[in-house]
């Protein structure tokens, strides 16, 4: 079975993966073409993508599947509007590429998708929150503290931000 793309009767694009020892550059170019995204890739990750799945995915879900593997290789895909950027995580992730997502819309983002959320603090100082959250921040995450506003801006994967949001709901944060 070859990788395929189809459009549902509702007009939604769905993708199915069937890759065996396929160079990453070919996989990413195939995805960008199917999803009608402009691709910026200075260099592909090393090795190949070996993944076959009977399920069909939306473009956002497909990026999450690929990022689950890419993160283990030190790379990630970031989508911003109609652009797709391949990022080598040894380099600095361009801040302007990481989209701000409201807490209400966080559930719409992938588990491995790199995004930013703003947290309003109530029961802790921003410095206390930063100290506690440092334990949850991975190597590519960031915390910006805004003491006067009693807020912190956290850049992390969608899955990790949902964990932070769950802690927030346990009355650590407002």
N, C-alpha and C. Protein backbone atom coordinates (compact mmCIF):
# COMPACT_ATOMS: atom_id res chain seq x y z
N UNK A 1 0.85 -1.19 0.00
CA UNK A 1 0.00 0.00 0.00
C UNK A 1 0.89 1.24 0.00
N UNK A 2 0.65 2.13 -0.92
CA UNK A 2 1.42 3.37 -1.00
C UNK A 2 0.77 4.43 -0.10
N UNK A 3 1.58 5.42 0.31
CA UNK A 3 1.02 6.55 1.04
C UNK A 3 0.00 7.21 0.14
N UNK A 4 -1.07 7.73 0.73
CA UNK A 4 -2.10 8.32 -0.10
C UNK A 4 -2.75 9.51 0.58
N UNK A 5 -3.38 10.31 -0.26
CA UNK A 5 -4.14 11.47 0.21
C UNK A 5 -5.51 11.40 -0.45
N UNK A 6 -6.53 11.76 0.31
CA UNK A 6 -7.88 11.83 -0.25
C UNK A 6 -8.61 13.00 0.36
N UNK A 7 -9.63 13.43 -0.35
CA UNK A 7 -10.47 14.52 0.13
C UNK A 7 -11.84 13.92 0.44
N UNK A 8 -12.31 14.13 1.66
CA UNK A 8 -13.59 13.58 2.08
C UNK A 8 -14.73 14.33 1.38
N UNK A 9 -15.94 13.76 1.38
CA UNK A 9 -17.08 14.48 0.79
C UNK A 9 -17.30 15.86 1.41
N UNK A 10 -16.85 16.04 2.67
CA UNK A 10 -16.97 17.34 3.34
C UNK A 10 -15.88 18.31 2.92
N UNK A 11 -14.92 17.83 2.10
CA UNK A 11 -13.84 18.69 1.62
C UNK A 11 -12.60 18.68 2.49
N UNK A 12 -12.50 17.76 3.45
CA UNK A 12 -11.34 17.68 4.34
C UNK A 12 -10.28 16.76 3.75
N UNK A 13 -9.03 17.19 3.83
CA UNK A 13 -7.91 16.38 3.38
C UNK A 13 -7.56 15.35 4.44
N UNK A 14 -7.36 14.10 4.01
CA UNK A 14 -6.94 13.02 4.90
C UNK A 14 -5.74 12.32 4.27
N UNK A 15 -4.75 12.00 5.10
CA UNK A 15 -3.51 11.39 4.63
C UNK A 15 -3.29 10.05 5.33
N UNK A 16 -2.74 9.11 4.58
CA UNK A 16 -2.39 7.81 5.17
C UNK A 16 -0.92 7.54 4.86
N UNK A 17 -0.19 7.11 5.89
CA UNK A 17 1.24 6.84 5.78
C UNK A 17 1.51 5.38 5.42
N UNK A 18 2.40 5.20 4.46
CA UNK A 18 2.94 3.89 4.16
C UNK A 18 4.35 4.11 3.62
N UNK A 19 5.29 4.24 4.54
CA UNK A 19 6.68 4.52 4.17
C UNK A 19 7.58 3.43 4.72
N UNK A 20 8.47 2.95 3.88
CA UNK A 20 9.44 1.94 4.29
C UNK A 20 10.82 2.39 3.83
N UNK A 21 11.68 2.71 4.78
CA UNK A 21 13.04 3.17 4.50
C UNK A 21 13.06 4.31 3.49
N UNK A 22 12.12 5.26 3.67
CA UNK A 22 12.01 6.41 2.77
C UNK A 22 12.79 7.57 3.36
N UNK A 23 13.70 8.18 2.58
CA UNK A 23 14.45 9.33 3.10
C UNK A 23 13.49 10.43 3.59
N UNK A 24 13.88 11.05 4.71
CA UNK A 24 13.03 12.08 5.30
C UNK A 24 12.69 13.19 4.32
N UNK A 25 13.64 13.58 3.49
CA UNK A 25 13.38 14.67 2.55
C UNK A 25 12.19 14.30 1.65
N UNK A 26 12.14 13.07 1.17
CA UNK A 26 11.03 12.64 0.31
C UNK A 26 9.71 12.67 1.07
N UNK A 27 9.73 12.24 2.33
CA UNK A 27 8.51 12.20 3.15
C UNK A 27 7.99 13.62 3.38
N UNK A 28 8.88 14.52 3.78
CA UNK A 28 8.47 15.90 4.10
C UNK A 28 7.99 16.61 2.83
N UNK A 29 8.68 16.41 1.72
CA UNK A 29 8.24 17.03 0.46
C UNK A 29 6.88 16.47 0.03
N UNK A 30 6.66 15.17 0.18
CA UNK A 30 5.36 14.56 -0.14
C UNK A 30 4.27 15.19 0.71
N UNK A 31 4.53 15.28 2.03
CA UNK A 31 3.53 15.85 2.93
C UNK A 31 3.21 17.30 2.56
N UNK A 32 4.24 18.12 2.36
CA UNK A 32 4.04 19.53 2.04
C UNK A 32 3.23 19.67 0.76
N UNK A 33 3.51 18.85 -0.23
CA UNK A 33 2.77 18.91 -1.49
C UNK A 33 1.31 18.52 -1.28
N UNK A 34 1.07 17.44 -0.55
CA UNK A 34 -0.30 16.98 -0.31
C UNK A 34 -1.10 18.01 0.47
N UNK A 35 -0.46 18.63 1.47
CA UNK A 35 -1.14 19.59 2.35
C UNK A 35 -1.13 21.00 1.78
N UNK A 36 -0.55 21.17 0.58
CA UNK A 36 -0.47 22.47 -0.09
C UNK A 36 0.21 23.51 0.81
N UNK A 37 1.37 23.12 1.36
CA UNK A 37 2.14 24.00 2.23
C UNK A 37 3.46 24.37 1.55
N UNK A 38 3.92 25.60 1.75
CA UNK A 38 5.23 26.02 1.27
C UNK A 38 6.27 25.50 2.26
N UNK A 39 7.27 24.82 1.76
CA UNK A 39 8.25 24.16 2.61
C UNK A 39 9.55 24.95 2.70
N UNK A 40 10.03 25.16 3.94
CA UNK A 40 11.35 25.73 4.20
C UNK A 40 12.14 24.67 4.95
N UNK A 41 13.15 24.09 4.27
CA UNK A 41 13.95 23.04 4.89
C UNK A 41 15.40 23.22 4.47
N UNK A 42 16.23 23.65 5.43
CA UNK A 42 17.65 23.83 5.12
C UNK A 42 18.34 22.49 4.93
N UNK A 43 17.90 21.51 5.67
CA UNK A 43 18.47 20.18 5.54
C UNK A 43 17.56 19.17 6.20
N UNK A 44 17.40 18.00 5.58
CA UNK A 44 16.51 17.00 6.17
C UNK A 44 17.19 16.27 7.33
N UNK A 45 16.40 15.64 8.17
CA UNK A 45 16.98 14.81 9.24
C UNK A 45 17.73 13.63 8.63
N UNK A 46 18.68 13.08 9.36
CA UNK A 46 19.36 11.90 8.86
C UNK A 46 18.45 10.68 8.91
N UNK A 47 18.76 9.70 8.10
CA UNK A 47 18.04 8.44 8.16
C UNK A 47 16.76 8.44 7.35
N UNK A 48 15.92 7.48 7.68
CA UNK A 48 14.70 7.26 6.91
C UNK A 48 13.49 7.19 7.83
N UNK A 49 12.31 7.31 7.21
CA UNK A 49 11.04 7.21 7.92
C UNK A 49 10.45 5.85 7.58
N UNK A 50 10.18 5.07 8.61
CA UNK A 50 9.59 3.75 8.45
C UNK A 50 8.31 3.72 9.26
N UNK A 51 7.21 3.96 8.58
CA UNK A 51 5.94 4.04 9.29
C UNK A 51 4.81 3.70 8.33
N UNK A 52 4.02 2.73 8.72
CA UNK A 52 2.84 2.35 7.95
C UNK A 52 1.68 2.28 8.93
N UNK A 53 0.55 2.84 8.49
CA UNK A 53 -0.61 2.93 9.37
C UNK A 53 -1.85 2.86 8.49
N UNK A 54 -2.85 2.11 8.90
CA UNK A 54 -4.09 2.00 8.11
C UNK A 54 -5.00 3.21 8.31
N UNK A 55 -4.71 4.03 9.32
CA UNK A 55 -5.56 5.18 9.63
C UNK A 55 -5.27 6.35 8.69
N UNK A 56 -6.29 7.19 8.52
CA UNK A 56 -6.14 8.44 7.78
C UNK A 56 -6.07 9.58 8.80
N UNK A 57 -5.25 10.59 8.48
CA UNK A 57 -5.02 11.70 9.40
C UNK A 57 -5.27 13.03 8.70
N UNK A 58 -5.72 14.02 9.48
CA UNK A 58 -5.76 15.38 8.98
C UNK A 58 -4.31 15.86 8.87
N UNK A 59 -4.05 16.94 8.13
CA UNK A 59 -2.66 17.43 8.07
C UNK A 59 -2.07 17.73 9.46
N UNK A 60 -2.86 18.30 10.36
CA UNK A 60 -2.36 18.57 11.71
C UNK A 60 -2.01 17.29 12.46
N UNK A 61 -2.84 16.28 12.33
CA UNK A 61 -2.55 14.98 12.98
C UNK A 61 -1.34 14.32 12.34
N UNK A 62 -1.20 14.47 11.01
CA UNK A 62 -0.06 13.88 10.31
C UNK A 62 1.26 14.51 10.76
N UNK A 63 1.25 15.84 10.94
CA UNK A 63 2.45 16.51 11.45
C UNK A 63 2.80 15.95 12.83
N UNK A 64 1.80 15.71 13.65
CA UNK A 64 2.05 15.20 15.00
C UNK A 64 2.66 13.80 14.95
N UNK A 65 2.19 12.96 14.04
CA UNK A 65 2.77 11.61 13.88
C UNK A 65 4.24 11.74 13.49
N UNK A 66 4.51 12.58 12.51
CA UNK A 66 5.91 12.75 12.08
C UNK A 66 6.76 13.37 13.18
N UNK A 67 6.22 14.38 13.89
CA UNK A 67 7.00 15.02 14.96
C UNK A 67 7.31 14.05 16.09
N UNK A 68 6.43 13.09 16.35
CA UNK A 68 6.71 12.09 17.37
C UNK A 68 8.00 11.34 17.08
N UNK A 69 8.28 11.12 15.80
CA UNK A 69 9.52 10.45 15.38
C UNK A 69 10.65 11.47 15.24
N UNK A 70 10.36 12.62 14.63
CA UNK A 70 11.39 13.62 14.38
C UNK A 70 12.04 14.13 15.67
N UNK A 71 11.26 14.29 16.73
CA UNK A 71 11.82 14.78 17.99
C UNK A 71 12.92 13.85 18.52
N UNK A 72 12.80 12.55 18.26
CA UNK A 72 13.84 11.61 18.70
C UNK A 72 15.12 11.78 17.89
N UNK A 73 15.02 12.46 16.75
CA UNK A 73 16.17 12.71 15.89
C UNK A 73 16.68 14.14 16.01
N UNK A 74 16.06 14.94 16.91
CA UNK A 74 16.49 16.31 17.11
C UNK A 74 15.92 17.30 16.11
N UNK A 75 14.79 16.98 15.50
CA UNK A 75 14.14 17.86 14.53
C UNK A 75 12.67 18.00 14.88
N UNK A 76 12.03 19.02 14.32
CA UNK A 76 10.59 19.17 14.45
C UNK A 76 10.06 19.93 13.25
N UNK A 77 8.79 19.70 12.95
CA UNK A 77 8.08 20.45 11.92
C UNK A 77 7.20 21.48 12.60
N UNK A 78 7.22 22.70 12.09
CA UNK A 78 6.36 23.77 12.61
C UNK A 78 5.54 24.30 11.44
N UNK A 79 4.23 24.33 11.64
CA UNK A 79 3.34 24.87 10.61
C UNK A 79 2.84 26.23 11.08
N UNK A 80 2.94 27.19 10.19
CA UNK A 80 2.43 28.54 10.46
C UNK A 80 1.72 29.00 9.21
N UNK A 81 0.41 29.15 9.31
CA UNK A 81 -0.46 29.44 8.17
C UNK A 81 -0.19 28.40 7.07
N UNK A 82 0.24 28.84 5.89
CA UNK A 82 0.46 27.91 4.77
C UNK A 82 1.94 27.57 4.59
N UNK A 83 2.73 27.75 5.65
CA UNK A 83 4.15 27.45 5.57
C UNK A 83 4.49 26.29 6.51
N UNK A 84 5.45 25.49 6.09
CA UNK A 84 5.95 24.38 6.89
C UNK A 84 7.45 24.55 7.02
N UNK A 85 7.94 24.59 8.24
CA UNK A 85 9.36 24.79 8.51
C UNK A 85 9.93 23.55 9.19
N UNK A 86 11.00 23.00 8.60
CA UNK A 86 11.74 21.91 9.23
C UNK A 86 12.83 22.55 10.08
N UNK A 87 12.82 22.26 11.39
CA UNK A 87 13.76 22.89 12.31
C UNK A 87 14.68 21.84 12.91
N UNK A 88 15.97 22.10 12.81
CA UNK A 88 16.97 21.30 13.52
C UNK A 88 17.02 21.88 14.93
N UNK A 89 16.66 21.08 15.93
CA UNK A 89 16.54 21.60 17.29
C UNK A 89 17.89 21.91 17.94
N UNK A 90 19.00 21.57 17.28
CA UNK A 90 20.30 22.02 17.78
C UNK A 90 20.45 23.52 17.55
N UNK A 91 19.69 24.05 16.58
CA UNK A 91 19.68 25.48 16.30
C UNK A 91 18.57 26.11 17.15
N UNK A 92 18.61 27.41 17.26
CA UNK A 92 17.55 28.13 17.97
C UNK A 92 16.28 28.08 17.14
N UNK A 93 15.17 27.74 17.78
CA UNK A 93 13.88 27.75 17.08
C UNK A 93 13.47 29.20 16.89
N UNK A 94 13.22 29.63 15.64
CA UNK A 94 12.82 31.03 15.42
C UNK A 94 11.54 31.35 16.20
N UNK A 95 11.65 32.30 17.11
CA UNK A 95 10.53 32.64 18.00
C UNK A 95 9.27 33.00 17.23
N UNK A 96 9.42 33.69 16.10
CA UNK A 96 8.26 34.13 15.34
C UNK A 96 7.51 32.96 14.70
N UNK A 97 8.16 31.80 14.61
CA UNK A 97 7.51 30.64 14.00
C UNK A 97 6.63 29.89 14.97
N UNK A 98 6.88 30.02 16.26
CA UNK A 98 6.12 29.27 17.26
C UNK A 98 4.85 30.06 17.57
N UNK A 99 3.72 29.50 17.18
CA UNK A 99 2.45 30.22 17.30
C UNK A 99 1.95 30.30 18.73
N UNK A 100 1.33 31.45 19.03
CA UNK A 100 0.65 31.63 20.30
C UNK A 100 -0.72 30.99 20.19
N UNK A 101 -1.08 30.20 21.20
CA UNK A 101 -2.36 29.51 21.24
C UNK A 101 -3.03 29.85 22.57
N UNK A 102 -4.31 30.18 22.51
CA UNK A 102 -5.02 30.43 23.76
C UNK A 102 -5.23 29.10 24.48
N UNK A 103 -5.40 29.16 25.79
CA UNK A 103 -5.65 27.93 26.56
C UNK A 103 -6.91 27.23 26.08
N UNK A 104 -7.90 27.99 25.63
CA UNK A 104 -9.13 27.40 25.13
C UNK A 104 -8.91 26.60 23.85
N UNK A 105 -7.94 27.00 23.05
CA UNK A 105 -7.67 26.33 21.77
C UNK A 105 -6.53 25.31 21.85
N UNK A 106 -5.97 25.12 23.03
CA UNK A 106 -4.84 24.21 23.18
C UNK A 106 -5.20 22.77 22.81
N UNK A 107 -6.43 22.35 23.05
CA UNK A 107 -6.84 20.98 22.72
C UNK A 107 -6.80 20.71 21.22
N UNK A 108 -6.80 21.75 20.41
CA UNK A 108 -6.77 21.59 18.96
C UNK A 108 -5.36 21.37 18.43
N UNK A 109 -4.37 21.45 19.29
CA UNK A 109 -2.98 21.32 18.86
C UNK A 109 -2.43 19.94 19.19
N UNK A 110 -1.48 19.50 18.38
CA UNK A 110 -0.92 18.16 18.50
C UNK A 110 -0.08 17.97 19.76
N UNK A 111 0.03 16.72 20.15
CA UNK A 111 0.80 16.35 21.34
C UNK A 111 2.26 16.79 21.22
N UNK A 112 2.82 16.67 20.01
CA UNK A 112 4.24 17.00 19.79
C UNK A 112 4.44 18.33 19.07
N UNK A 113 3.38 19.12 18.93
CA UNK A 113 3.46 20.40 18.24
C UNK A 113 3.98 21.49 19.18
N UNK A 114 4.98 22.23 18.75
CA UNK A 114 5.58 23.28 19.55
C UNK A 114 4.73 24.55 19.43
N UNK A 115 4.17 25.01 20.57
CA UNK A 115 3.33 26.21 20.62
C UNK A 115 3.61 26.98 21.91
N UNK A 116 3.00 28.16 22.03
CA UNK A 116 3.14 29.00 23.23
C UNK A 116 1.78 29.26 23.83
N UNK A 117 1.71 29.30 25.16
CA UNK A 117 0.48 29.66 25.88
C UNK A 117 0.82 30.64 27.00
N UNK A 118 -0.11 31.54 27.27
CA UNK A 118 0.03 32.50 28.35
C UNK A 118 -0.82 32.04 29.54
N UNK A 119 -0.19 31.98 30.70
CA UNK A 119 -0.88 31.57 31.92
C UNK A 119 -0.97 32.75 32.87
N UNK A 120 -2.19 33.05 33.31
CA UNK A 120 -2.42 34.08 34.32
C UNK A 120 -2.25 33.42 35.68
N UNK A 121 -1.45 34.02 36.56
CA UNK A 121 -1.18 33.45 37.87
C UNK A 121 -1.99 34.15 38.94
N UNK A 122 -2.38 33.39 39.94
CA UNK A 122 -3.17 33.97 41.01
C UNK A 122 -2.58 33.59 42.36
N UNK A 123 -2.34 32.32 42.57
CA UNK A 123 -1.92 31.84 43.90
C UNK A 123 -0.40 31.74 44.05
N UNK A 124 0.33 31.96 42.98
CA UNK A 124 1.80 31.90 43.03
C UNK A 124 2.36 33.16 42.38
N UNK A 125 3.57 33.48 42.75
CA UNK A 125 4.26 34.56 42.05
C UNK A 125 4.78 33.98 40.73
N UNK A 126 5.03 34.82 39.75
CA UNK A 126 5.61 34.31 38.50
C UNK A 126 6.94 33.59 38.73
N UNK A 127 7.72 34.07 39.68
CA UNK A 127 9.01 33.45 39.97
C UNK A 127 8.82 32.06 40.57
N UNK A 128 7.83 31.90 41.46
CA UNK A 128 7.53 30.58 42.03
C UNK A 128 7.03 29.62 40.94
N UNK A 129 6.17 30.14 40.08
CA UNK A 129 5.65 29.31 38.99
C UNK A 129 6.77 28.89 38.05
N UNK A 130 7.67 29.81 37.74
CA UNK A 130 8.79 29.49 36.86
C UNK A 130 9.66 28.40 37.48
N UNK A 131 9.96 28.52 38.78
CA UNK A 131 10.78 27.51 39.45
C UNK A 131 10.11 26.13 39.41
N UNK A 132 8.80 26.08 39.66
CA UNK A 132 8.08 24.81 39.63
C UNK A 132 8.00 24.24 38.22
N UNK A 133 7.73 25.10 37.24
CA UNK A 133 7.53 24.62 35.87
C UNK A 133 8.82 24.23 35.18
N UNK A 134 9.96 24.72 35.64
CA UNK A 134 11.23 24.34 35.03
C UNK A 134 11.40 22.81 35.00
N UNK A 135 10.79 22.13 35.98
CA UNK A 135 10.88 20.68 36.04
C UNK A 135 10.09 20.01 34.91
N UNK A 136 9.13 20.73 34.32
CA UNK A 136 8.28 20.18 33.27
C UNK A 136 8.71 20.61 31.86
N UNK A 137 9.65 21.54 31.80
CA UNK A 137 10.05 22.09 30.51
C UNK A 137 11.17 21.26 29.91
N UNK A 138 10.96 20.84 28.66
CA UNK A 138 11.96 20.05 27.96
C UNK A 138 13.07 20.94 27.42
N UNK A 139 14.00 20.33 26.70
CA UNK A 139 15.16 21.08 26.22
C UNK A 139 14.83 22.17 25.20
N UNK A 140 13.65 22.11 24.60
CA UNK A 140 13.30 23.11 23.59
C UNK A 140 12.18 24.03 24.06
N UNK A 141 11.82 23.90 25.32
CA UNK A 141 10.80 24.76 25.90
C UNK A 141 11.41 26.02 26.47
N UNK A 142 10.57 27.01 26.68
CA UNK A 142 11.02 28.29 27.24
C UNK A 142 9.93 28.82 28.16
N UNK A 143 10.37 29.58 29.15
CA UNK A 143 9.43 30.29 30.02
C UNK A 143 9.84 31.76 30.04
N UNK A 144 8.87 32.64 29.77
CA UNK A 144 9.07 34.08 29.90
C UNK A 144 8.19 34.54 31.05
N UNK A 145 8.78 35.28 31.97
CA UNK A 145 8.07 35.74 33.17
C UNK A 145 7.72 37.21 33.02
N UNK A 146 6.46 37.53 33.37
CA UNK A 146 5.99 38.91 33.36
C UNK A 146 5.48 39.24 34.77
N UNK A 147 6.40 39.64 35.68
CA UNK A 147 6.04 39.83 37.08
C UNK A 147 4.92 40.85 37.31
N UNK A 148 4.97 41.99 36.66
CA UNK A 148 3.96 43.03 36.90
C UNK A 148 2.56 42.56 36.50
N UNK A 149 2.47 41.76 35.45
CA UNK A 149 1.17 41.27 34.97
C UNK A 149 0.77 39.97 35.67
N UNK A 150 1.68 39.38 36.48
CA UNK A 150 1.45 38.09 37.13
C UNK A 150 1.10 37.02 36.09
N UNK A 151 1.95 36.96 35.04
CA UNK A 151 1.75 36.01 33.96
C UNK A 151 3.06 35.35 33.58
N UNK A 152 2.93 34.15 33.00
CA UNK A 152 4.08 33.50 32.39
C UNK A 152 3.68 33.02 31.00
N UNK A 153 4.60 33.14 30.06
CA UNK A 153 4.41 32.66 28.70
C UNK A 153 5.29 31.42 28.57
N UNK A 154 4.67 30.29 28.24
CA UNK A 154 5.40 29.02 28.17
C UNK A 154 5.37 28.51 26.74
N UNK A 155 6.57 28.19 26.23
CA UNK A 155 6.71 27.54 24.92
C UNK A 155 7.07 26.09 25.18
N UNK A 156 6.25 25.19 24.67
CA UNK A 156 6.47 23.75 24.88
C UNK A 156 5.61 22.99 23.88
N UNK A 157 5.67 21.68 23.91
CA UNK A 157 4.79 20.89 23.06
C UNK A 157 3.37 20.96 23.59
N UNK A 158 2.40 20.74 22.70
CA UNK A 158 1.00 20.78 23.10
C UNK A 158 0.69 19.83 24.24
N UNK A 159 1.26 18.63 24.20
CA UNK A 159 1.01 17.66 25.27
C UNK A 159 1.53 18.14 26.61
N UNK A 160 2.71 18.72 26.62
CA UNK A 160 3.29 19.21 27.87
C UNK A 160 2.53 20.43 28.38
N UNK A 161 2.07 21.29 27.47
CA UNK A 161 1.29 22.46 27.89
C UNK A 161 -0.05 22.02 28.49
N UNK A 162 -0.62 20.94 27.99
CA UNK A 162 -1.86 20.43 28.59
C UNK A 162 -1.61 19.90 30.00
N UNK A 163 -0.42 19.31 30.24
CA UNK A 163 -0.07 18.89 31.60
C UNK A 163 0.04 20.10 32.52
N UNK A 164 0.68 21.15 32.03
CA UNK A 164 0.81 22.38 32.82
C UNK A 164 -0.57 22.96 33.10
N UNK A 165 -1.44 22.93 32.11
CA UNK A 165 -2.80 23.44 32.29
C UNK A 165 -3.54 22.61 33.35
N UNK A 166 -3.30 21.29 33.38
CA UNK A 166 -3.94 20.44 34.39
C UNK A 166 -3.45 20.80 35.79
N UNK A 167 -2.16 21.08 35.91
CA UNK A 167 -1.62 21.53 37.21
C UNK A 167 -2.28 22.84 37.61
N UNK A 168 -2.44 23.70 36.63
CA UNK A 168 -3.10 25.00 36.86
C UNK A 168 -4.50 24.78 37.42
N UNK A 169 -5.19 23.81 36.89
CA UNK A 169 -6.56 23.55 37.37
C UNK A 169 -6.59 22.93 38.75
N UNK A 170 -5.44 22.48 39.21
CA UNK A 170 -5.36 21.95 40.57
C UNK A 170 -5.09 23.08 41.57
N UNK A 171 -5.48 24.29 41.18
CA UNK A 171 -5.42 25.49 42.03
C UNK A 171 -4.02 26.02 42.26
N UNK A 172 -3.04 25.57 41.49
CA UNK A 172 -1.72 26.19 41.59
C UNK A 172 -1.74 27.54 40.88
N UNK A 173 -2.56 27.63 39.85
CA UNK A 173 -2.66 28.84 39.06
C UNK A 173 -4.13 29.19 38.93
N UNK A 174 -4.38 30.40 38.51
CA UNK A 174 -5.76 30.82 38.32
C UNK A 174 -6.23 30.42 36.95
